[in-house]
Amino acid sequence: DRVHSLMKKKKYLLNNADLIIMAETPRIASYRHKIIENLGKRLNAPVDRINIKATTTEGLGFVGRKEGIAAQAIVSLIKYRRR
């Protein structure tokens, strides 16, 4: 919410979001479309600009021990200008 509010205040729009979810469980595939849909609505962005990939850590670290989930996000923004 804080980052989205700052984006709106500074007049930036989401250009592209590439998200990676690292988890042993649950399997993300069945939730992927709904997550993208919800993010699109929340960020007021077209769903074709949001991509989600899921992976495991092959049993390594806290994610591999099923003690948590990790995520990475690479996002590009564009400045909104009225014409």
PDB file of N, CA and C in Angstrom:
ATOM      1  N   ASP A   1       0.811  -1.199   0.000  1.00  0.00           N
ATOM      2  CA  ASP A   1       0.000   0.000   0.000  1.00  0.00           C
ATOM      3  C   ASP A   1       0.854   1.262   0.000  1.00  0.00           C
ATOM      4  N   ARG A   2       1.905   1.257   0.811  1.00  0.00           N
ATOM      5  CA  ARG A   2       2.745   2.448   0.913  1.00  0.00           C
ATOM      6  C   ARG A   2       3.436   2.770  -0.412  1.00  0.00           C
ATOM      7  N   VAL A   3       3.996   1.744  -1.043  1.00  0.00           N
ATOM      8  CA  VAL A   3       4.692   1.963  -2.311  1.00  0.00           C
ATOM      9  C   VAL A   3       3.703   2.371  -3.393  1.00  0.00           C
ATOM     10  N   HIS A   4       2.536   1.724  -3.442  1.00  0.00           N
ATOM     11  CA  HIS A   4       1.533   2.073  -4.440  1.00  0.00           C
ATOM     12  C   HIS A   4       1.058   3.512  -4.247  1.00  0.00           C
ATOM     13  N   SER A   5       0.861   3.939  -3.010  1.00  0.00           N
ATOM     14  CA  SER A   5       0.469   5.325  -2.736  1.00  0.00           C
ATOM     15  C   SER A   5       1.543   6.300  -3.204  1.00  0.00           C
ATOM     16  N   LEU A   6       2.789   5.946  -2.969  1.00  0.00           N
ATOM     17  CA  LEU A   6       3.904   6.792  -3.407  1.00  0.00           C
ATOM     18  C   LEU A   6       3.965   6.861  -4.933  1.00  0.00           C
ATOM     19  N   MET A   7       3.725   5.725  -5.588  1.00  0.00           N
ATOM     20  CA  MET A   7       3.687   5.715  -7.056  1.00  0.00           C
ATOM     21  C   MET A   7       2.620   6.671  -7.581  1.00  0.00           C
ATOM     22  N   LYS A   8       1.427   6.605  -6.997  1.00  0.00           N
ATOM     23  CA  LYS A   8       0.334   7.470  -7.434  1.00  0.00           C
ATOM     24  C   LYS A   8       0.663   8.933  -7.191  1.00  0.00           C
ATOM     25  N   LYS A   9       1.227   9.214  -6.020  1.00  0.00           N
ATOM     26  CA  LYS A   9       1.574  10.593  -5.671  1.00  0.00           C
ATOM     27  C   LYS A   9       2.603  11.171  -6.634  1.00  0.00           C
ATOM     28  N   LYS A  10       3.586  10.360  -7.008  1.00  0.00           N
ATOM     29  CA  LYS A  10       4.650  10.808  -7.912  1.00  0.00           C
ATOM     30  C   LYS A  10       4.289  10.616  -9.388  1.00  0.00           C
ATOM     31  N   LYS A  11       3.065  10.109  -9.639  1.00  0.00           N
ATOM     32  CA  LYS A  11       2.536   9.918 -10.994  1.00  0.00           C
ATOM     33  C   LYS A  11       3.314   8.882 -11.809  1.00  0.00           C
ATOM     34  N   TYR A  12       3.550   7.729 -11.195  1.00  0.00           N
ATOM     35  CA  TYR A  12       4.160   6.606 -11.893  1.00  0.00           C
ATOM     36  C   TYR A  12       3.132   5.502 -12.062  1.00  0.00           C
ATOM     37  N   LEU A  13       3.258   4.773 -13.172  1.00  0.00           N
ATOM     38  CA  LEU A  13       2.417   3.627 -13.460  1.00  0.00           C
ATOM     39  C   LEU A  13       3.292   2.388 -13.603  1.00  0.00           C
ATOM     40  N   LEU A  14       2.708   1.240 -13.338  1.00  0.00           N
ATOM     41  CA  LEU A  14       3.421  -0.011 -13.517  1.00  0.00           C
ATOM     42  C   LEU A  14       3.621  -0.275 -15.000  1.00  0.00           C
ATOM     43  N   ASN A  15       4.853  -0.463 -15.396  1.00  0.00           N
ATOM     44  CA  ASN A  15       5.150  -0.853 -16.770  1.00  0.00           C
ATOM     45  C   ASN A  15       5.214  -2.371 -16.869  1.00  0.00           C
ATOM     46  N   ASN A  16       5.912  -2.996 -15.918  1.00  0.00           N
ATOM     47  CA  ASN A  16       6.077  -4.435 -15.941  1.00  0.00           C
ATOM     48  C   ASN A  16       6.472  -4.913 -14.551  1.00  0.00           C
ATOM     49  N   ALA A  17       5.942  -6.070 -14.157  1.00  0.00           N
ATOM     50  CA  ALA A  17       6.342  -6.686 -12.887  1.00  0.00           C
ATOM     51  C   ALA A  17       6.659  -8.149 -13.145  1.00  0.00           C
ATOM     52  N   ASP A  18       7.838  -8.579 -12.758  1.00  0.00           N
ATOM     53  CA  ASP A  18       8.265  -9.960 -12.882  1.00  0.00           C
ATOM     54  C   ASP A  18       8.515 -10.465 -11.465  1.00  0.00           C
ATOM     55  N   LEU A  19       7.657 -11.362 -11.012  1.00  0.00           N
ATOM     56  CA  LEU A  19       7.687 -11.814  -9.626  1.00  0.00           C
ATOM     57  C   LEU A  19       8.095 -13.272  -9.549  1.00  0.00           C
ATOM     58  N   ILE A  20       8.935 -13.591  -8.568  1.00  0.00           N
ATOM     59  CA  ILE A  20       9.364 -14.973  -8.352  1.00  0.00           C
ATOM     60  C   ILE A  20       8.997 -15.353  -6.928  1.00  0.00           C
ATOM     61  N   ILE A  21       8.259 -16.445  -6.787  1.00  0.00           N
ATOM     62  CA  ILE A  21       7.884 -16.959  -5.475  1.00  0.00           C
ATOM     63  C   ILE A  21       8.642 -18.257  -5.255  1.00  0.00           C
ATOM     64  N   MET A  22       9.376 -18.333  -4.151  1.00  0.00           N
ATOM     65  CA  MET A  22      10.148 -19.523  -3.818  1.00  0.00           C
ATOM     66  C   MET A  22       9.494 -20.205  -2.623  1.00  0.00           C
ATOM     67  N   ALA A  23       8.998 -21.428  -2.862  1.00  0.00           N
ATOM     68  CA  ALA A  23       8.307 -22.164  -1.810  1.00  0.00           C
ATOM     69  C   ALA A  23       8.310 -23.646  -2.148  1.00  0.00           C
ATOM     70  N   GLU A  24       8.409 -24.452  -1.124  1.00  0.00           N
ATOM     71  CA  GLU A  24       8.261 -25.892  -1.315  1.00  0.00           C
ATOM     72  C   GLU A  24       6.768 -26.231  -1.395  1.00  0.00           C
ATOM     73  N   THR A  25       5.997 -25.630  -0.529  1.00  0.00           N
ATOM     74  CA  THR A  25       4.535 -25.774  -0.536  1.00  0.00           C
ATOM     75  C   THR A  25       3.946 -24.432  -0.152  1.00  0.00           C
ATOM     76  N   PRO A  26       2.797 -24.040  -0.587  1.00  0.00           N
ATOM     77  CA  PRO A  26       1.930 -24.774  -1.517  1.00  0.00           C
ATOM     78  C   PRO A  26       2.429 -24.594  -2.939  1.00  0.00           C
ATOM     79  N   ARG A  27       1.951 -25.435  -3.817  1.00  0.00           N
ATOM     80  CA  ARG A  27       2.230 -25.289  -5.236  1.00  0.00           C
ATOM     81  C   ARG A  27       1.480 -24.055  -5.726  1.00  0.00           C
ATOM     82  N   ILE A  28       2.162 -23.157  -6.391  1.00  0.00           N
ATOM     83  CA  ILE A  28       1.598 -21.873  -6.784  1.00  0.00           C
ATOM     84  C   ILE A  28       0.765 -21.967  -8.068  1.00  0.00           C
ATOM     85  N   ALA A  29       1.026 -22.963  -8.886  1.00  0.00           N
ATOM     86  CA  ALA A  29       0.399 -23.044 -10.218  1.00  0.00           C
ATOM     87  C   ALA A  29      -1.111 -22.847 -10.187  1.00  0.00           C
ATOM     88  N   SER A  30      -1.796 -23.452  -9.240  1.00  0.00           N
ATOM     89  CA  SER A  30      -3.259 -23.339  -9.207  1.00  0.00           C
ATOM     90  C   SER A  30      -3.738 -21.961  -8.730  1.00  0.00           C
ATOM     91  N   TYR A  31      -2.857 -21.178  -8.120  1.00  0.00           N
ATOM     92  CA  TYR A  31      -3.210 -19.852  -7.619  1.00  0.00           C
ATOM     93  C   TYR A  31      -2.692 -18.728  -8.511  1.00  0.00           C
ATOM     94  N   ARG A  32      -1.800 -19.065  -9.432  1.00  0.00           N
ATOM     95  CA  ARG A  32      -1.072 -18.073 -10.222  1.00  0.00           C
ATOM     96  C   ARG A  32      -1.995 -17.066 -10.916  1.00  0.00           C
ATOM     97  N   HIS A  33      -2.983 -17.550 -11.637  1.00  0.00           N
ATOM     98  CA  HIS A  33      -3.868 -16.651 -12.383  1.00  0.00           C
ATOM     99  C   HIS A  33      -4.625 -15.707 -11.441  1.00  0.00           C
ATOM    100  N   LYS A  34      -5.117 -16.225 -10.338  1.00  0.00           N
ATOM    101  CA  LYS A  34      -5.865 -15.403  -9.383  1.00  0.00           C
ATOM    102  C   LYS A  34      -4.959 -14.352  -8.746  1.00  0.00           C
ATOM    103  N   ILE A  35      -3.722 -14.712  -8.433  1.00  0.00           N
ATOM    104  CA  ILE A  35      -2.771 -13.752  -7.868  1.00  0.00           C
ATOM    105  C   ILE A  35      -2.519 -12.617  -8.862  1.00  0.00           C
ATOM    106  N   ILE A  36      -2.293 -12.974 -10.113  1.00  0.00           N
ATOM    107  CA  ILE A  36      -2.054 -11.962 -11.155  1.00  0.00           C
ATOM    108  C   ILE A  36      -3.272 -11.057 -11.303  1.00  0.00           C
ATOM    109  N   GLU A  37      -4.453 -11.663 -11.320  1.00  0.00           N
ATOM    110  CA  GLU A  37      -5.698 -10.895 -11.433  1.00  0.00           C
ATOM    111  C   GLU A  37      -5.844  -9.905 -10.275  1.00  0.00           C
ATOM    112  N   ASN A  38      -5.610 -10.376  -9.056  1.00  0.00           N
ATOM    113  CA  ASN A  38      -5.734  -9.511  -7.876  1.00  0.00           C
ATOM    114  C   ASN A  38      -4.698  -8.391  -7.881  1.00  0.00           C
ATOM    115  N   LEU A  39      -3.466  -8.701  -8.262  1.00  0.00           N
ATOM    116  CA  LEU A  39      -2.434  -7.661  -8.339  1.00  0.00           C
ATOM    117  C   LEU A  39      -2.788  -6.621  -9.395  1.00  0.00           C
ATOM    118  N   GLY A  40      -3.300  -7.074 -10.526  1.00  0.00           N
ATOM    119  CA  GLY A  40      -3.709  -6.150 -11.579  1.00  0.00           C
ATOM    120  C   GLY A  40      -4.768  -5.179 -11.093  1.00  0.00           C
ATOM    121  N   LYS A  41      -5.764  -5.702 -10.390  1.00  0.00           N
ATOM    122  CA  LYS A  41      -6.821  -4.834  -9.844  1.00  0.00           C
ATOM    123  C   LYS A  41      -6.255  -3.880  -8.799  1.00  0.00           C
ATOM    124  N   ARG A  42      -5.436  -4.417  -7.916  1.00  0.00           N
ATOM    125  CA  ARG A  42      -4.888  -3.609  -6.814  1.00  0.00           C
ATOM    126  C   ARG A  42      -3.987  -2.488  -7.319  1.00  0.00           C
ATOM    127  N   LEU A  43      -3.203  -2.792  -8.356  1.00  0.00           N
ATOM    128  CA  LEU A  43      -2.253  -1.818  -8.887  1.00  0.00           C
ATOM    129  C   LEU A  43      -2.808  -1.034 -10.072  1.00  0.00           C
ATOM    130  N   ASN A  44      -4.055  -1.325 -10.435  1.00  0.00           N
ATOM    131  CA  ASN A  44      -4.681  -0.669 -11.582  1.00  0.00           C
ATOM    132  C   ASN A  44      -3.807  -0.835 -12.827  1.00  0.00           C
ATOM    133  N   ALA A  45      -3.414  -2.087 -13.071  1.00  0.00           N
ATOM    134  CA  ALA A  45      -2.506  -2.392 -14.174  1.00  0.00           C
ATOM    135  C   ALA A  45      -3.055  -3.557 -14.993  1.00  0.00           C
ATOM    136  N   PRO A  46      -2.793  -3.561 -16.294  1.00  0.00           N
ATOM    137  CA  PRO A  46      -3.215  -4.695 -17.116  1.00  0.00           C
ATOM    138  C   PRO A  46      -2.496  -5.976 -16.683  1.00  0.00           C
ATOM    139  N   VAL A  47      -3.220  -7.084 -16.675  1.00  0.00           N
ATOM    140  CA  VAL A  47      -2.634  -8.346 -16.218  1.00  0.00           C
ATOM    141  C   VAL A  47      -1.514  -8.837 -17.135  1.00  0.00           C
ATOM    142  N   ASP A  48      -1.494  -8.395 -18.380  1.00  0.00           N
ATOM    143  CA  ASP A  48      -0.423  -8.833 -19.276  1.00  0.00           C
ATOM    144  C   ASP A  48       0.916  -8.162 -18.955  1.00  0.00           C
ATOM    145  N   ARG A  49       0.918  -7.272 -17.993  1.00  0.00           N
ATOM    146  CA  ARG A  49       2.167  -6.631 -17.552  1.00  0.00           C
ATOM    147  C   ARG A  49       2.710  -7.247 -16.263  1.00  0.00           C
ATOM    148  N   ILE A  50       2.025  -8.299 -15.778  1.00  0.00           N
ATOM    149  CA  ILE A  50       2.423  -8.957 -14.532  1.00  0.00           C
ATOM    150  C   ILE A  50       2.741 -10.416 -14.834  1.00  0.00           C
ATOM    151  N   ASN A  51       3.914 -10.859 -14.420  1.00  0.00           N
ATOM    152  CA  ASN A  51       4.326 -12.246 -14.622  1.00  0.00           C
ATOM    153  C   ASN A  51       4.751 -12.833 -13.283  1.00  0.00           C
ATOM    154  N   ILE A  52       4.288 -14.040 -13.013  1.00  0.00           N
ATOM    155  CA  ILE A  52       4.664 -14.728 -11.778  1.00  0.00           C
ATOM    156  C   ILE A  52       5.262 -16.075 -12.134  1.00  0.00           C
ATOM    157  N   LYS A  53       6.435 -16.327 -11.553  1.00  0.00           N
ATOM    158  CA  LYS A  53       7.090 -17.625 -11.687  1.00  0.00           C
ATOM    159  C   LYS A  53       7.246 -18.207 -10.292  1.00  0.00           C
ATOM    160  N   ALA A  54       7.181 -19.518 -10.219  1.00  0.00           N
ATOM    161  CA  ALA A  54       7.360 -20.182  -8.929  1.00  0.00           C
ATOM    162  C   ALA A  54       8.497 -21.193  -9.046  1.00  0.00           C
ATOM    163  N   THR A  55       9.212 -21.351  -7.955  1.00  0.00           N
ATOM    164  CA  THR A  55      10.303 -22.315  -7.928  1.00  0.00           C
ATOM    165  C   THR A  55      10.474 -22.830  -6.507  1.00  0.00           C
ATOM    166  N   THR A  56      11.271 -23.858  -6.362  1.00  0.00           N
ATOM    167  CA  THR A  56      11.644 -24.358  -5.036  1.00  0.00           C
ATOM    168  C   THR A  56      13.125 -24.077  -4.846  1.00  0.00           C
ATOM    169  N   THR A  57      13.609 -24.340  -3.656  1.00  0.00           N
ATOM    170  CA  THR A  57      15.045 -24.202  -3.417  1.00  0.00           C
ATOM    171  C   THR A  57      15.696 -25.572  -3.289  1.00  0.00           C
ATOM    172  N   GLU A  58      14.998 -26.591  -3.807  1.00  0.00           N
ATOM    173  CA  GLU A  58      15.530 -27.960  -3.812  1.00  0.00           C
ATOM    174  C   GLU A  58      15.947 -28.419  -2.415  1.00  0.00           C
ATOM    175  N   GLY A  59      15.151 -28.057  -1.421  1.00  0.00           N
ATOM    176  CA  GLY A  59      15.403 -28.512  -0.062  1.00  0.00           C
ATOM    177  C   GLY A  59      16.425 -27.695   0.708  1.00  0.00           C
ATOM    178  N   LEU A  60      16.927 -26.598   0.141  1.00  0.00           N
ATOM    179  CA  LEU A  60      17.954 -25.801   0.802  1.00  0.00           C
ATOM    180  C   LEU A  60      17.355 -24.650   1.607  1.00  0.00           C
ATOM    181  N   GLY A  61      17.991 -24.322   2.722  1.00  0.00           N
ATOM    182  CA  GLY A  61      17.622 -23.168   3.532  1.00  0.00           C
ATOM    183  C   GLY A  61      16.253 -23.264   4.177  1.00  0.00           C
ATOM    184  N   PHE A  62      15.792 -22.133   4.727  1.00  0.00           N
ATOM    185  CA  PHE A  62      14.512 -22.109   5.435  1.00  0.00           C
ATOM    186  C   PHE A  62      13.345 -22.425   4.508  1.00  0.00           C
ATOM    187  N   VAL A  63      13.469 -22.038   3.241  1.00  0.00           N
ATOM    188  CA  VAL A  63      12.409 -22.355   2.272  1.00  0.00           C
ATOM    189  C   VAL A  63      12.369 -23.859   2.045  1.00  0.00           C
ATOM    190  N   GLY A  64      13.501 -24.452   1.847  1.00  0.00           N
ATOM    191  CA  GLY A  64      13.587 -25.896   1.625  1.00  0.00           C
ATOM    192  C   GLY A  64      13.124 -26.718   2.813  1.00  0.00           C
ATOM    193  N   ARG A  65      13.324 -26.162   4.016  1.00  0.00           N
ATOM    194  CA  ARG A  65      12.855 -26.844   5.238  1.00  0.00           C
ATOM    195  C   ARG A  65      11.384 -26.555   5.519  1.00  0.00           C
ATOM    196  N   LYS A  66      10.724 -25.822   4.615  1.00  0.00           N
ATOM    197  CA  LYS A  66       9.308 -25.459   4.725  1.00  0.00           C
ATOM    198  C   LYS A  66       9.024 -24.582   5.945  1.00  0.00           C
ATOM    199  N   GLU A  67       9.998 -23.722   6.279  1.00  0.00           N
ATOM    200  CA  GLU A  67       9.842 -22.793   7.395  1.00  0.00           C
ATOM    201  C   GLU A  67       9.358 -21.420   6.928  1.00  0.00           C
ATOM    202  N   GLY A  68       9.275 -21.239   5.637  1.00  0.00           N
ATOM    203  CA  GLY A  68       8.826 -19.947   5.125  1.00  0.00           C
ATOM    204  C   GLY A  68       8.823 -19.928   3.617  1.00  0.00           C
ATOM    205  N   ILE A  69       8.446 -18.791   3.082  1.00  0.00           N
ATOM    206  CA  ILE A  69       8.391 -18.550   1.646  1.00  0.00           C
ATOM    207  C   ILE A  69       9.210 -17.294   1.361  1.00  0.00           C
ATOM    208  N   ALA A  70       9.911 -17.286   0.244  1.00  0.00           N
ATOM    209  CA  ALA A  70      10.689 -16.109  -0.162  1.00  0.00           C
ATOM    210  C   ALA A  70      10.137 -15.595  -1.492  1.00  0.00           C
ATOM    211  N   ALA A  71      10.356 -14.318  -1.742  1.00  0.00           N
ATOM    212  CA  ALA A  71       9.879 -13.730  -2.996  1.00  0.00           C
ATOM    213  C   ALA A  71      10.863 -12.676  -3.477  1.00  0.00           C
ATOM    214  N   GLN A  72      10.922 -12.532  -4.793  1.00  0.00           N
ATOM    215  CA  GLN A  72      11.702 -11.472  -5.417  1.00  0.00           C
ATOM    216  C   GLN A  72      10.804 -10.768  -6.420  1.00  0.00           C
ATOM    217  N   ALA A  73      10.994  -9.476  -6.565  1.00  0.00           N
ATOM    218  CA  ALA A  73      10.205  -8.709  -7.522  1.00  0.00           C
ATOM    219  C   ALA A  73      11.118  -7.769  -8.298  1.00  0.00           C
ATOM    220  N   ILE A  74      10.986  -7.819  -9.603  1.00  0.00           N
ATOM    221  CA  ILE A  74      11.678  -6.875 -10.468  1.00  0.00           C
ATOM    222  C   ILE A  74      10.578  -6.081 -11.165  1.00  0.00           C
ATOM    223  N   VAL A  75      10.583  -4.773 -10.940  1.00  0.00           N
ATOM    224  CA  VAL A  75       9.477  -3.936 -11.406  1.00  0.00           C
ATOM    225  C   VAL A  75      10.032  -2.739 -12.167  1.00  0.00           C
ATOM    226  N   SER A  76       9.397  -2.439 -13.289  1.00  0.00           N
ATOM    227  CA  SER A  76       9.740  -1.195 -13.982  1.00  0.00           C
ATOM    228  C   SER A  76       8.504  -0.302 -13.997  1.00  0.00           C
ATOM    229  N   LEU A  77       8.762   0.988 -13.840  1.00  0.00           N
ATOM    230  CA  LEU A  77       7.694   1.982 -13.776  1.00  0.00           C
ATOM    231  C   LEU A  77       7.847   2.971 -14.928  1.00  0.00           C
ATOM    232  N   ILE A  78       6.739   3.601 -15.287  1.00  0.00           N
ATOM    233  CA  ILE A  78       6.788   4.675 -16.269  1.00  0.00           C
ATOM    234  C   ILE A  78       6.117   5.903 -15.676  1.00  0.00           C
ATOM    235  N   LYS A  79       6.632   7.054 -16.026  1.00  0.00           N
ATOM    236  CA  LYS A  79       6.078   8.325 -15.551  1.00  0.00           C
ATOM    237  C   LYS A  79       4.827   8.633 -16.343  1.00  0.00           C
ATOM    238  N   TYR A  80       3.738   8.911 -15.634  1.00  0.00           N
ATOM    239  CA  TYR A  80       2.477   9.257 -16.272  1.00  0.00           C
ATOM    240  C   TYR A  80       2.475  10.729 -16.628  1.00  0.00           C
ATOM    241  N   ARG A  81       2.177  11.014 -17.883  1.00  0.00           N
ATOM    242  CA  ARG A  81       2.123  12.415 -18.328  1.00  0.00           C
ATOM    243  C   ARG A  81       0.827  12.595 -19.091  1.00  0.00           C
ATOM    244  N   ARG A  82       0.075  13.593 -18.704  1.00  0.00           N
ATOM    245  CA  ARG A  82      -1.149  13.941 -19.446  1.00  0.00           C
ATOM    246  C   ARG A  82      -0.773  14.711 -20.690  1.00  0.00           C
ATOM    247  N   ARG A  83      -1.530  14.481 -21.729  1.00  0.00           N
ATOM    248  CA  ARG A  83      -1.271  15.205 -22.985  1.00  0.00           C
ATOM    249  C   ARG A  83      -2.357  16.150 -23.270  1.00  0.00           C
TER     250      ARG A  83
END
